[in-house]
């Protein structure tokens, strides 16, 4: 299949570490080359009651990998009788991503995840690269084609001791900045938090860009 026919999520995603939780956010556009293939893609997904991920890359691979990690984490929990830590979940997903990208395929299996969650040790964010590499994040991270725009904002505005309420506002500003200038990002936003109440979607907004046609 030709590169321009592959459906990809674009995209702009971000994760913020706050003093009382985690904030994850992403836009809603999926692209195939220069075509906007979908406008209502959910790019922040709940994996367990206490762990969520942002997604970027080839849509078919992302859909398969998220189904696999959900099943594997549930199976591991049933076998051990223990709740998975965020690091354990990330390591398991990293192994799946590593194997996926190294399989021979006409379509490259590219996927990028930001894993955010909580466990007995606190709140955590991990940046999971397409090659399976893991980086623990202690402040903020962004991925996708619009990330360069987000980083410019986060570098100047992010505060280490901000609460999730402030983090949500900053996340919306970051995604909005990317939507204004990055052609692969747009059509809305999803924002999730991970707090002592677990994973919760706190904002879902679609943005339509249509002209009013004169009668």
N, C-alpha and C. Protein backbone atom coordinates (compact mmCIF):
# COMPACT_ATOMS: atom_id res chain seq x y z
N UNK A 1 0.85 -1.19 0.00
CA UNK A 1 0.00 0.00 0.00
C UNK A 1 0.89 1.24 0.00
N UNK A 2 0.51 2.23 -0.78
CA UNK A 2 1.30 3.45 -0.86
C UNK A 2 1.16 4.25 0.42
N UNK A 3 2.19 5.04 0.72
CA UNK A 3 2.25 5.81 1.96
C UNK A 3 1.04 6.70 2.14
N UNK A 4 0.60 7.37 1.04
CA UNK A 4 -0.49 8.32 1.19
C UNK A 4 -1.85 7.66 1.44
N UNK A 5 -1.94 6.34 1.28
CA UNK A 5 -3.19 5.64 1.52
C UNK A 5 -3.27 5.08 2.94
N UNK A 6 -2.21 5.19 3.69
CA UNK A 6 -2.22 4.72 5.06
C UNK A 6 -2.92 5.75 5.93
N UNK A 7 -3.81 5.27 6.78
CA UNK A 7 -4.52 6.18 7.67
C UNK A 7 -3.71 6.33 8.95
N UNK A 8 -3.33 7.57 9.26
CA UNK A 8 -2.56 7.86 10.45
C UNK A 8 -3.27 8.92 11.29
N UNK A 9 -2.89 8.96 12.56
CA UNK A 9 -3.56 9.90 13.46
C UNK A 9 -2.91 11.28 13.49
N UNK A 10 -1.98 11.52 12.70
CA UNK A 10 -1.43 12.90 12.62
C UNK A 10 -0.24 13.12 13.51
N UNK A 11 -0.32 13.99 14.48
CA UNK A 11 -1.35 14.30 15.43
C UNK A 11 -0.76 15.23 16.48
N UNK A 12 -1.49 15.57 17.54
CA UNK A 12 -0.88 16.22 18.70
C UNK A 12 -1.44 15.58 19.97
N UNK A 13 -0.56 15.04 20.80
CA UNK A 13 -0.95 14.50 22.09
C UNK A 13 -0.01 15.08 23.15
N UNK A 14 -0.47 15.11 24.39
CA UNK A 14 0.39 15.61 25.47
C UNK A 14 0.02 14.98 26.80
N UNK A 15 0.99 14.99 27.71
CA UNK A 15 0.77 14.50 29.05
C UNK A 15 1.42 15.44 30.05
N UNK A 16 0.73 15.73 31.16
CA UNK A 16 1.24 16.63 32.19
C UNK A 16 1.21 15.94 33.54
N UNK A 17 2.30 16.09 34.29
CA UNK A 17 2.34 15.61 35.67
C UNK A 17 1.94 16.76 36.59
N UNK A 18 0.88 16.57 37.35
CA UNK A 18 0.41 17.58 38.31
C UNK A 18 0.59 17.04 39.72
N UNK A 19 0.47 17.90 40.71
CA UNK A 19 0.74 17.46 42.07
C UNK A 19 -0.35 16.52 42.60
N UNK A 20 -1.54 16.58 41.99
CA UNK A 20 -2.63 15.71 42.45
C UNK A 20 -3.13 14.78 41.35
N UNK A 21 -2.33 14.59 40.29
CA UNK A 21 -2.77 13.67 39.24
C UNK A 21 -2.05 13.86 37.92
N UNK A 22 -2.61 13.24 36.90
CA UNK A 22 -2.07 13.27 35.54
C UNK A 22 -3.12 13.85 34.61
N UNK A 23 -2.69 14.64 33.62
CA UNK A 23 -3.58 15.14 32.57
C UNK A 23 -3.07 14.64 31.23
N UNK A 24 -3.95 14.03 30.44
CA UNK A 24 -3.63 13.56 29.09
C UNK A 24 -4.62 14.21 28.11
N UNK A 25 -4.12 14.63 26.95
CA UNK A 25 -4.99 15.29 25.98
C UNK A 25 -4.52 15.02 24.57
N UNK A 26 -5.44 15.15 23.61
CA UNK A 26 -5.11 14.95 22.20
C UNK A 26 -6.18 15.57 21.32
N UNK A 27 -5.80 15.85 20.07
CA UNK A 27 -6.78 16.34 19.10
C UNK A 27 -7.57 15.15 18.54
N UNK A 28 -8.42 15.37 17.54
CA UNK A 28 -9.33 14.32 17.06
C UNK A 28 -9.22 14.02 15.57
N UNK A 29 -8.18 14.50 14.89
CA UNK A 29 -8.08 14.35 13.44
C UNK A 29 -7.22 13.15 13.04
N UNK A 30 -7.68 12.40 12.04
CA UNK A 30 -6.88 11.34 11.44
C UNK A 30 -6.67 11.67 9.97
N UNK A 31 -5.45 11.47 9.49
CA UNK A 31 -5.12 11.86 8.12
C UNK A 31 -4.61 10.67 7.30
N UNK A 32 -4.78 10.80 5.98
CA UNK A 32 -4.22 9.84 5.03
C UNK A 32 -3.53 10.68 3.96
N UNK A 33 -2.24 10.93 4.14
CA UNK A 33 -1.56 11.86 3.26
C UNK A 33 -2.09 13.27 3.50
N UNK A 34 -2.60 13.90 2.43
CA UNK A 34 -3.17 15.25 2.55
C UNK A 34 -4.67 15.23 2.79
N UNK A 35 -5.25 14.04 2.91
CA UNK A 35 -6.69 13.90 3.13
C UNK A 35 -7.00 13.78 4.62
N UNK A 36 -8.01 14.51 5.08
CA UNK A 36 -8.51 14.31 6.43
C UNK A 36 -9.45 13.11 6.37
N UNK A 37 -8.99 11.98 6.90
CA UNK A 37 -9.72 10.72 6.76
C UNK A 37 -10.83 10.58 7.80
N UNK A 38 -10.65 11.18 8.98
CA UNK A 38 -11.65 11.10 10.03
C UNK A 38 -11.52 12.32 10.94
N UNK A 39 -12.66 12.75 11.50
CA UNK A 39 -12.68 13.97 12.31
C UNK A 39 -13.09 13.73 13.76
N UNK A 40 -13.38 12.47 14.12
CA UNK A 40 -13.90 12.19 15.45
C UNK A 40 -13.15 11.04 16.10
N UNK A 41 -11.83 11.05 15.96
CA UNK A 41 -11.01 9.97 16.51
C UNK A 41 -10.69 10.24 17.97
N UNK A 42 -10.95 9.28 18.83
CA UNK A 42 -10.58 9.40 20.24
C UNK A 42 -9.15 8.91 20.40
N UNK A 43 -8.25 9.82 20.77
CA UNK A 43 -6.83 9.49 20.85
C UNK A 43 -6.32 9.41 22.29
N UNK A 44 -7.23 9.50 23.24
CA UNK A 44 -6.90 9.21 24.64
C UNK A 44 -7.82 8.07 25.07
N UNK A 45 -7.22 6.96 25.49
CA UNK A 45 -8.00 5.76 25.76
C UNK A 45 -7.76 5.25 27.17
N UNK A 46 -8.81 4.81 27.82
CA UNK A 46 -8.72 4.18 29.13
C UNK A 46 -8.27 2.74 28.96
N UNK A 47 -7.19 2.34 29.66
CA UNK A 47 -6.68 0.98 29.57
C UNK A 47 -7.10 0.15 30.78
N UNK A 48 -6.99 0.74 31.97
CA UNK A 48 -7.51 0.13 33.20
C UNK A 48 -8.20 1.24 33.98
N UNK A 49 -8.68 0.92 35.17
CA UNK A 49 -9.35 1.94 35.99
C UNK A 49 -8.39 3.05 36.41
N UNK A 50 -7.07 2.77 36.38
CA UNK A 50 -6.09 3.74 36.85
C UNK A 50 -5.03 4.10 35.82
N UNK A 51 -5.17 3.62 34.59
CA UNK A 51 -4.17 3.88 33.55
C UNK A 51 -4.86 4.25 32.24
N UNK A 52 -4.34 5.29 31.58
CA UNK A 52 -4.84 5.70 30.27
C UNK A 52 -3.65 5.99 29.36
N UNK A 53 -3.88 6.00 28.06
CA UNK A 53 -2.81 6.27 27.10
C UNK A 53 -3.28 7.25 26.04
N UNK A 54 -2.33 8.03 25.50
CA UNK A 54 -2.59 8.78 24.27
C UNK A 54 -1.98 7.98 23.12
N UNK A 55 -2.55 8.13 21.94
CA UNK A 55 -2.12 7.32 20.80
C UNK A 55 -1.74 8.18 19.61
N UNK A 56 -0.75 7.71 18.86
CA UNK A 56 -0.35 8.36 17.61
C UNK A 56 0.28 7.30 16.73
N UNK A 57 0.10 7.42 15.41
CA UNK A 57 0.69 6.46 14.50
C UNK A 57 -0.31 5.89 13.52
N UNK A 58 -0.01 4.69 13.00
CA UNK A 58 -0.88 4.01 12.05
C UNK A 58 -2.08 3.44 12.80
N UNK A 59 -3.28 3.82 12.37
CA UNK A 59 -4.49 3.52 13.13
C UNK A 59 -4.70 2.03 13.36
N UNK A 60 -4.51 1.21 12.34
CA UNK A 60 -4.75 -0.23 12.48
C UNK A 60 -3.85 -0.84 13.54
N UNK A 61 -2.58 -0.43 13.58
CA UNK A 61 -1.66 -0.95 14.59
C UNK A 61 -2.06 -0.50 15.99
N UNK A 62 -2.44 0.77 16.12
CA UNK A 62 -2.83 1.30 17.42
C UNK A 62 -4.05 0.57 17.96
N UNK A 63 -5.04 0.34 17.10
CA UNK A 63 -6.25 -0.35 17.54
C UNK A 63 -5.94 -1.76 18.03
N UNK A 64 -5.07 -2.47 17.29
CA UNK A 64 -4.70 -3.83 17.68
C UNK A 64 -3.90 -3.83 18.99
N UNK A 65 -2.92 -2.93 19.11
CA UNK A 65 -2.06 -2.92 20.28
C UNK A 65 -2.82 -2.54 21.55
N UNK A 66 -3.77 -1.61 21.45
CA UNK A 66 -4.54 -1.23 22.63
C UNK A 66 -5.46 -2.38 23.07
N UNK A 67 -6.00 -3.12 22.13
CA UNK A 67 -6.81 -4.30 22.49
C UNK A 67 -5.94 -5.35 23.17
N UNK A 68 -4.74 -5.55 22.64
CA UNK A 68 -3.83 -6.54 23.21
C UNK A 68 -3.41 -6.18 24.63
N UNK A 69 -3.05 -4.92 24.84
CA UNK A 69 -2.57 -4.53 26.17
C UNK A 69 -3.69 -4.60 27.20
N UNK A 70 -4.90 -4.25 26.82
CA UNK A 70 -6.03 -4.38 27.75
C UNK A 70 -6.21 -5.83 28.17
N UNK A 71 -6.18 -6.73 27.19
CA UNK A 71 -6.37 -8.16 27.47
C UNK A 71 -5.22 -8.72 28.30
N UNK A 72 -4.00 -8.35 27.96
CA UNK A 72 -2.82 -8.87 28.66
C UNK A 72 -2.78 -8.40 30.12
N UNK A 73 -3.13 -7.14 30.35
CA UNK A 73 -3.14 -6.61 31.72
C UNK A 73 -4.21 -7.28 32.56
N UNK A 74 -5.38 -7.51 31.96
CA UNK A 74 -6.46 -8.18 32.69
C UNK A 74 -6.07 -9.62 33.01
N UNK A 75 -5.46 -10.30 32.05
CA UNK A 75 -5.02 -11.68 32.25
C UNK A 75 -3.96 -11.77 33.33
N UNK A 76 -3.00 -10.84 33.30
CA UNK A 76 -1.93 -10.82 34.30
C UNK A 76 -2.48 -10.57 35.70
N UNK A 77 -3.47 -9.70 35.77
CA UNK A 77 -4.09 -9.40 37.06
C UNK A 77 -4.83 -10.62 37.62
N UNK A 78 -5.51 -11.34 36.73
CA UNK A 78 -6.24 -12.54 37.15
C UNK A 78 -5.28 -13.64 37.60
N UNK A 79 -4.15 -13.77 36.91
CA UNK A 79 -3.17 -14.81 37.23
C UNK A 79 -2.45 -14.54 38.55
N UNK A 80 -2.07 -13.27 38.76
CA UNK A 80 -1.26 -12.93 39.94
C UNK A 80 -2.08 -12.48 41.14
N UNK A 81 -3.30 -12.01 40.87
CA UNK A 81 -4.13 -11.48 41.95
C UNK A 81 -3.67 -10.12 42.42
N UNK A 82 -2.80 -9.48 41.64
CA UNK A 82 -2.27 -8.18 42.00
C UNK A 82 -2.62 -7.14 40.93
N UNK A 83 -2.80 -5.90 41.36
CA UNK A 83 -3.06 -4.81 40.41
C UNK A 83 -1.74 -4.40 39.75
N UNK A 84 -1.75 -4.24 38.45
CA UNK A 84 -0.55 -3.86 37.72
C UNK A 84 -0.11 -2.44 38.08
N UNK A 85 1.19 -2.25 38.26
CA UNK A 85 1.71 -0.90 38.43
C UNK A 85 1.78 -0.24 37.06
N UNK A 86 1.93 1.08 37.04
CA UNK A 86 2.02 1.79 35.77
C UNK A 86 3.27 1.35 35.00
N UNK A 87 4.37 1.14 35.72
CA UNK A 87 5.61 0.71 35.07
C UNK A 87 5.47 -0.67 34.48
N UNK A 88 4.82 -1.59 35.18
CA UNK A 88 4.60 -2.94 34.65
C UNK A 88 3.76 -2.89 33.38
N UNK A 89 2.71 -2.08 33.40
CA UNK A 89 1.86 -1.95 32.22
C UNK A 89 2.63 -1.37 31.04
N UNK A 90 3.46 -0.37 31.32
CA UNK A 90 4.26 0.26 30.26
C UNK A 90 5.27 -0.71 29.69
N UNK A 91 5.94 -1.48 30.54
CA UNK A 91 6.92 -2.47 30.07
C UNK A 91 6.26 -3.52 29.20
N UNK A 92 5.07 -3.95 29.59
CA UNK A 92 4.36 -4.94 28.80
C UNK A 92 3.97 -4.39 27.43
N UNK A 93 3.46 -3.16 27.40
CA UNK A 93 3.10 -2.52 26.13
C UNK A 93 4.34 -2.27 25.28
N UNK A 94 5.45 -1.90 25.92
CA UNK A 94 6.70 -1.66 25.18
C UNK A 94 7.17 -2.91 24.47
N UNK A 95 7.03 -4.06 25.12
CA UNK A 95 7.42 -5.32 24.49
C UNK A 95 6.58 -5.62 23.25
N UNK A 96 5.29 -5.33 23.34
CA UNK A 96 4.40 -5.56 22.19
C UNK A 96 4.75 -4.61 21.05
N UNK A 97 5.01 -3.32 21.40
CA UNK A 97 5.39 -2.32 20.39
C UNK A 97 6.71 -2.70 19.72
N UNK A 98 7.68 -3.12 20.53
CA UNK A 98 9.00 -3.53 20.01
C UNK A 98 8.86 -4.65 18.98
N UNK A 99 8.09 -5.66 19.33
CA UNK A 99 7.91 -6.79 18.41
C UNK A 99 7.13 -6.39 17.16
N UNK A 100 6.17 -5.49 17.33
CA UNK A 100 5.33 -5.08 16.21
C UNK A 100 6.11 -4.34 15.14
N UNK A 101 7.01 -3.43 15.56
CA UNK A 101 7.71 -2.62 14.56
C UNK A 101 8.80 -3.41 13.85
N UNK A 102 9.22 -4.53 14.45
CA UNK A 102 10.29 -5.31 13.85
C UNK A 102 9.80 -6.46 12.97
N UNK A 103 8.50 -6.57 12.82
CA UNK A 103 7.94 -7.54 11.88
C UNK A 103 8.03 -6.99 10.46
N UNK A 104 8.34 -7.86 9.50
CA UNK A 104 8.33 -7.40 8.12
C UNK A 104 6.90 -7.13 7.69
N UNK A 105 6.68 -5.95 7.10
CA UNK A 105 5.34 -5.58 6.65
C UNK A 105 5.43 -4.54 5.56
N UNK A 106 4.50 -4.62 4.61
CA UNK A 106 4.43 -3.61 3.55
C UNK A 106 4.08 -2.25 4.16
N UNK A 107 3.24 -2.26 5.21
CA UNK A 107 2.87 -1.05 5.93
C UNK A 107 3.64 -1.01 7.24
N UNK A 108 4.49 -0.02 7.47
CA UNK A 108 5.23 0.06 8.74
C UNK A 108 4.30 0.14 9.94
N UNK A 109 4.58 -0.67 10.96
CA UNK A 109 3.75 -0.68 12.17
C UNK A 109 4.20 0.38 13.16
N UNK A 110 3.89 1.63 12.88
CA UNK A 110 4.36 2.74 13.71
C UNK A 110 3.30 3.12 14.74
N UNK A 111 3.69 3.16 16.00
CA UNK A 111 2.76 3.58 17.05
C UNK A 111 3.55 4.27 18.17
N UNK A 112 2.97 5.32 18.70
CA UNK A 112 3.61 6.10 19.77
C UNK A 112 2.58 6.31 20.87
N UNK A 113 2.94 5.96 22.09
CA UNK A 113 2.02 6.07 23.22
C UNK A 113 2.61 6.95 24.32
N UNK A 114 1.74 7.70 24.97
CA UNK A 114 2.07 8.32 26.25
C UNK A 114 1.21 7.61 27.28
N UNK A 115 1.84 6.95 28.25
CA UNK A 115 1.13 6.18 29.26
C UNK A 115 1.09 7.00 30.56
N UNK A 116 -0.11 7.21 31.07
CA UNK A 116 -0.26 7.95 32.32
C UNK A 116 -1.13 7.18 33.29
N UNK A 117 -0.73 7.15 34.56
CA UNK A 117 -1.54 6.41 35.51
C UNK A 117 -1.10 6.61 36.94
N UNK A 118 -1.75 5.89 37.83
CA UNK A 118 -1.42 5.95 39.25
C UNK A 118 -1.34 4.54 39.81
N UNK A 119 -0.51 4.38 40.85
CA UNK A 119 -0.42 3.13 41.59
C UNK A 119 -0.02 3.46 43.02
N UNK A 120 0.38 2.46 43.77
CA UNK A 120 0.71 2.67 45.18
C UNK A 120 1.88 3.63 45.37
N UNK A 121 2.72 3.79 44.35
CA UNK A 121 3.90 4.66 44.45
C UNK A 121 3.63 6.09 44.00
N UNK A 122 2.44 6.35 43.47
CA UNK A 122 2.12 7.71 43.06
C UNK A 122 1.63 7.80 41.63
N UNK A 123 1.83 8.99 41.04
CA UNK A 123 1.39 9.25 39.67
C UNK A 123 2.59 9.21 38.73
N UNK A 124 2.37 8.64 37.52
CA UNK A 124 3.49 8.43 36.61
C UNK A 124 3.07 8.69 35.17
N UNK A 125 4.03 9.22 34.38
CA UNK A 125 3.88 9.31 32.93
C UNK A 125 5.12 8.69 32.29
N UNK A 126 4.88 7.86 31.27
CA UNK A 126 5.97 7.27 30.50
C UNK A 126 5.75 7.57 29.02
N UNK A 127 6.82 7.98 28.36
CA UNK A 127 6.80 8.20 26.91
C UNK A 127 7.28 6.92 26.25
N UNK A 128 6.41 6.30 25.45
CA UNK A 128 6.71 5.02 24.82
C UNK A 128 6.88 5.23 23.31
N UNK A 129 8.12 5.24 22.86
CA UNK A 129 8.45 5.56 21.46
C UNK A 129 8.08 4.41 20.52
N UNK A 130 8.01 4.69 19.21
CA UNK A 130 7.63 3.66 18.23
C UNK A 130 8.56 2.45 18.19
N UNK A 131 9.81 2.60 18.69
CA UNK A 131 10.74 1.47 18.69
C UNK A 131 10.67 0.68 19.99
N UNK A 132 9.77 1.04 20.91
CA UNK A 132 9.62 0.33 22.16
C UNK A 132 10.41 0.92 23.31
N UNK A 133 11.16 2.01 23.06
CA UNK A 133 11.95 2.64 24.12
C UNK A 133 11.02 3.37 25.10
N UNK A 134 11.40 3.31 26.40
CA UNK A 134 10.60 3.92 27.45
C UNK A 134 11.38 5.05 28.12
N UNK A 135 10.72 6.19 28.30
CA UNK A 135 11.30 7.31 29.04
C UNK A 135 10.32 7.75 30.11
N UNK A 136 10.76 7.75 31.36
CA UNK A 136 9.89 8.23 32.43
C UNK A 136 9.91 9.76 32.43
N UNK A 137 8.73 10.36 32.52
CA UNK A 137 8.58 11.82 32.45
C UNK A 137 8.18 12.35 33.82
N UNK A 138 8.89 13.37 34.29
CA UNK A 138 8.55 13.93 35.60
C UNK A 138 7.89 15.31 35.51
N UNK A 139 7.64 15.80 34.29
CA UNK A 139 6.96 17.08 34.15
C UNK A 139 5.94 17.04 33.01
N UNK A 140 6.39 17.06 31.77
CA UNK A 140 5.46 17.08 30.64
C UNK A 140 6.10 16.45 29.41
N UNK A 141 5.24 16.03 28.48
CA UNK A 141 5.70 15.42 27.24
C UNK A 141 4.63 15.62 26.18
N UNK A 142 5.07 15.71 24.93
CA UNK A 142 4.13 15.82 23.81
C UNK A 142 4.64 14.98 22.66
N UNK A 143 3.73 14.49 21.84
CA UNK A 143 4.12 13.68 20.68
C UNK A 143 3.30 14.09 19.47
N UNK A 144 3.78 13.68 18.30
CA UNK A 144 3.06 13.95 17.07
C UNK A 144 3.55 15.17 16.32
N UNK A 145 2.94 15.41 15.18
CA UNK A 145 3.37 16.48 14.29
C UNK A 145 3.20 17.87 14.88
N UNK A 146 2.28 18.02 15.83
CA UNK A 146 2.07 19.33 16.44
C UNK A 146 2.83 19.54 17.74
N UNK A 147 3.66 18.57 18.11
CA UNK A 147 4.33 18.64 19.42
C UNK A 147 5.29 19.83 19.55
N UNK A 148 5.91 20.23 18.46
CA UNK A 148 6.86 21.35 18.53
C UNK A 148 6.15 22.63 18.96
N UNK A 149 4.89 22.78 18.57
CA UNK A 149 4.11 23.95 18.97
C UNK A 149 3.71 23.86 20.44
N UNK A 150 3.40 22.66 20.88
CA UNK A 150 3.02 22.45 22.27
C UNK A 150 4.20 22.71 23.20
N UNK A 151 5.38 22.21 22.83
CA UNK A 151 6.55 22.36 23.69
C UNK A 151 6.89 23.84 23.93
N UNK A 152 6.70 24.67 22.91
CA UNK A 152 6.97 26.09 23.08
C UNK A 152 6.11 26.70 24.17
N UNK A 153 4.86 26.25 24.26
CA UNK A 153 3.95 26.74 25.30
C UNK A 153 4.31 26.15 26.66
N UNK A 154 4.52 24.83 26.71
CA UNK A 154 4.79 24.17 27.99
C UNK A 154 6.09 24.65 28.63
N UNK A 155 7.09 24.94 27.81
CA UNK A 155 8.38 25.40 28.35
C UNK A 155 8.23 26.70 29.15
N UNK A 156 7.28 27.51 28.77
CA UNK A 156 7.14 28.82 29.42
C UNK A 156 6.03 28.87 30.47
N UNK A 157 5.03 28.00 30.37
CA UNK A 157 3.85 28.12 31.23
C UNK A 157 3.76 27.03 32.31
N UNK A 158 4.28 25.84 32.01
CA UNK A 158 4.13 24.71 32.95
C UNK A 158 4.77 25.02 34.31
N UNK A 159 4.05 24.65 35.38
CA UNK A 159 4.56 24.79 36.74
C UNK A 159 4.54 23.42 37.43
N UNK A 160 5.60 23.13 38.14
CA UNK A 160 5.77 21.82 38.75
C UNK A 160 4.66 21.48 39.75
N UNK A 161 4.18 22.49 40.46
CA UNK A 161 3.22 22.26 41.54
C UNK A 161 1.78 22.55 41.13
N UNK A 162 1.49 22.60 39.83
CA UNK A 162 0.13 22.91 39.41
C UNK A 162 -0.83 21.76 39.71
N UNK A 163 -2.08 22.11 39.98
CA UNK A 163 -3.11 21.12 40.20
C UNK A 163 -3.71 20.69 38.87
N UNK A 164 -4.44 19.56 38.88
CA UNK A 164 -5.00 19.05 37.63
C UNK A 164 -5.97 20.05 37.00
N UNK A 165 -6.64 20.86 37.82
CA UNK A 165 -7.55 21.87 37.28
C UNK A 165 -6.80 22.86 36.39
N UNK A 166 -5.61 23.26 36.84
CA UNK A 166 -4.76 24.13 36.03
C UNK A 166 -4.19 23.38 34.83
N UNK A 167 -3.86 22.11 35.06
CA UNK A 167 -3.29 21.28 34.00
C UNK A 167 -4.25 21.09 32.84
N UNK A 168 -5.53 20.97 33.15
CA UNK A 168 -6.55 20.82 32.10
C UNK A 168 -6.57 22.06 31.21
N UNK A 169 -6.55 23.23 31.83
CA UNK A 169 -6.55 24.48 31.07
C UNK A 169 -5.31 24.59 30.19
N UNK A 170 -4.15 24.19 30.74
CA UNK A 170 -2.91 24.25 29.97
C UNK A 170 -2.93 23.26 28.82
N UNK A 171 -3.48 22.08 29.06
CA UNK A 171 -3.58 21.07 28.01
C UNK A 171 -4.44 21.56 26.84
N UNK A 172 -5.55 22.20 27.16
CA UNK A 172 -6.43 22.75 26.12
C UNK A 172 -5.71 23.83 25.32
N UNK A 173 -4.96 24.69 26.01
CA UNK A 173 -4.19 25.72 25.31
C UNK A 173 -3.15 25.09 24.38
N UNK A 174 -2.51 24.02 24.85
CA UNK A 174 -1.49 23.36 24.04
C UNK A 174 -2.06 22.73 22.79
N UNK A 175 -3.16 21.99 22.92
CA UNK A 175 -3.79 21.37 21.76
C UNK A 175 -4.32 22.43 20.80
N UNK A 176 -4.88 23.50 21.35
CA UNK A 176 -5.38 24.59 20.51
C UNK A 176 -4.26 25.23 19.71
N UNK A 177 -3.10 25.42 20.33
CA UNK A 177 -1.95 26.02 19.63
C UNK A 177 -1.54 25.15 18.45
N UNK A 178 -1.55 23.84 18.65
CA UNK A 178 -1.18 22.93 17.56
C UNK A 178 -2.23 22.94 16.45
N UNK A 179 -3.50 22.98 16.84
CA UNK A 179 -4.58 22.97 15.84
C UNK A 179 -4.54 24.20 14.95
N UNK A 180 -4.02 25.31 15.47
CA UNK A 180 -3.99 26.54 14.70
C UNK A 180 -2.92 26.52 13.60
N UNK A 181 -1.86 25.70 13.78
CA UNK A 181 -0.73 25.75 12.86
C UNK A 181 -0.33 24.42 12.24
N UNK A 182 -0.73 23.31 12.84
CA UNK A 182 -0.36 21.99 12.32
C UNK A 182 -1.52 21.40 11.52
N UNK A 183 -1.29 21.12 10.23
CA UNK A 183 -2.39 20.67 9.36
C UNK A 183 -2.88 19.28 9.71
N UNK A 184 -2.06 18.48 10.40
CA UNK A 184 -2.46 17.11 10.75
C UNK A 184 -3.19 17.03 12.08
N UNK A 185 -3.35 18.18 12.75
CA UNK A 185 -4.05 18.21 14.03
C UNK A 185 -5.28 19.10 13.91
N UNK A 186 -6.38 18.67 14.51
CA UNK A 186 -7.57 19.50 14.45
C UNK A 186 -8.85 18.78 14.81
N UNK A 187 -9.96 19.45 14.56
CA UNK A 187 -11.33 18.93 14.68
C UNK A 187 -11.81 18.66 16.10
N UNK A 188 -11.01 19.06 17.10
CA UNK A 188 -11.51 18.91 18.46
C UNK A 188 -10.47 18.41 19.43
N UNK A 189 -10.93 18.06 20.64
CA UNK A 189 -9.99 17.69 21.71
C UNK A 189 -10.65 16.71 22.67
N UNK A 190 -9.85 15.80 23.20
CA UNK A 190 -10.23 14.95 24.34
C UNK A 190 -9.24 15.22 25.47
N UNK A 191 -9.75 15.36 26.68
CA UNK A 191 -8.89 15.54 27.85
C UNK A 191 -9.31 14.54 28.92
N UNK A 192 -8.32 13.80 29.44
CA UNK A 192 -8.55 12.84 30.52
C UNK A 192 -7.68 13.22 31.71
N UNK A 193 -8.16 12.89 32.91
CA UNK A 193 -7.33 13.01 34.10
C UNK A 193 -7.21 11.64 34.77
N UNK A 194 -6.11 11.44 35.47
CA UNK A 194 -5.95 10.27 36.34
C UNK A 194 -5.66 10.82 37.74
N UNK A 195 -6.60 10.64 38.64
CA UNK A 195 -6.48 11.15 40.01
C UNK A 195 -6.77 10.02 40.99
N UNK A 196 -6.97 10.39 42.25
CA UNK A 196 -7.31 9.37 43.24
C UNK A 196 -8.69 8.77 43.00
N UNK A 197 -9.44 9.36 42.08
CA UNK A 197 -10.74 8.82 41.68
C UNK A 197 -10.64 7.94 40.43
N UNK A 198 -9.41 7.74 39.93
CA UNK A 198 -9.20 6.90 38.76
C UNK A 198 -9.17 7.70 37.47
N UNK A 199 -9.37 7.01 36.35
CA UNK A 199 -9.36 7.63 35.03
C UNK A 199 -10.71 8.26 34.73
N UNK A 200 -10.69 9.51 34.29
CA UNK A 200 -11.94 10.21 33.99
C UNK A 200 -11.77 11.11 32.78
N UNK A 201 -12.72 11.06 31.86
CA UNK A 201 -12.74 12.00 30.74
C UNK A 201 -13.39 13.29 31.23
N UNK A 202 -12.64 14.38 31.17
CA UNK A 202 -13.15 15.65 31.70
C UNK A 202 -13.56 16.63 30.60
N UNK A 203 -13.17 16.34 29.36
CA UNK A 203 -13.54 17.24 28.28
C UNK A 203 -13.53 16.50 26.94
N UNK A 204 -14.57 16.69 26.17
CA UNK A 204 -14.65 16.14 24.81
C UNK A 204 -15.38 17.17 23.96
N UNK A 205 -14.65 17.77 23.03
CA UNK A 205 -15.23 18.83 22.23
C UNK A 205 -14.84 18.67 20.77
N UNK A 206 -15.83 18.73 19.89
CA UNK A 206 -15.59 18.66 18.45
C UNK A 206 -15.65 20.06 17.87
N UNK A 207 -14.77 20.33 16.91
CA UNK A 207 -14.70 21.64 16.28
C UNK A 207 -14.93 21.47 14.78
N UNK A 208 -15.98 22.04 14.28
CA UNK A 208 -16.29 21.96 12.86
C UNK A 208 -15.89 23.27 12.17
N UNK A 209 -15.24 23.14 11.02
CA UNK A 209 -14.86 24.33 10.25
C UNK A 209 -15.67 24.35 8.94
N UNK A 210 -16.83 24.96 9.03
CA UNK A 210 -17.70 25.03 7.86
C UNK A 210 -18.11 26.48 7.61
N UNK A 211 -18.25 26.80 6.37
CA UNK A 211 -18.70 28.14 6.01
C UNK A 211 -20.22 28.17 5.90
N UNK A 212 -20.79 29.28 6.27
CA UNK A 212 -22.24 29.48 6.05
C UNK A 212 -22.44 29.87 4.59
N UNK A 213 -23.15 29.02 3.86
CA UNK A 213 -23.35 29.27 2.42
C UNK A 213 -24.51 30.25 2.25
N UNK A 214 -24.27 31.37 1.54
CA UNK A 214 -25.34 32.35 1.34
C UNK A 214 -26.53 31.74 0.58
N UNK A 215 -27.72 32.12 0.96
CA UNK A 215 -28.92 31.60 0.29
C UNK A 215 -29.24 32.46 -0.93
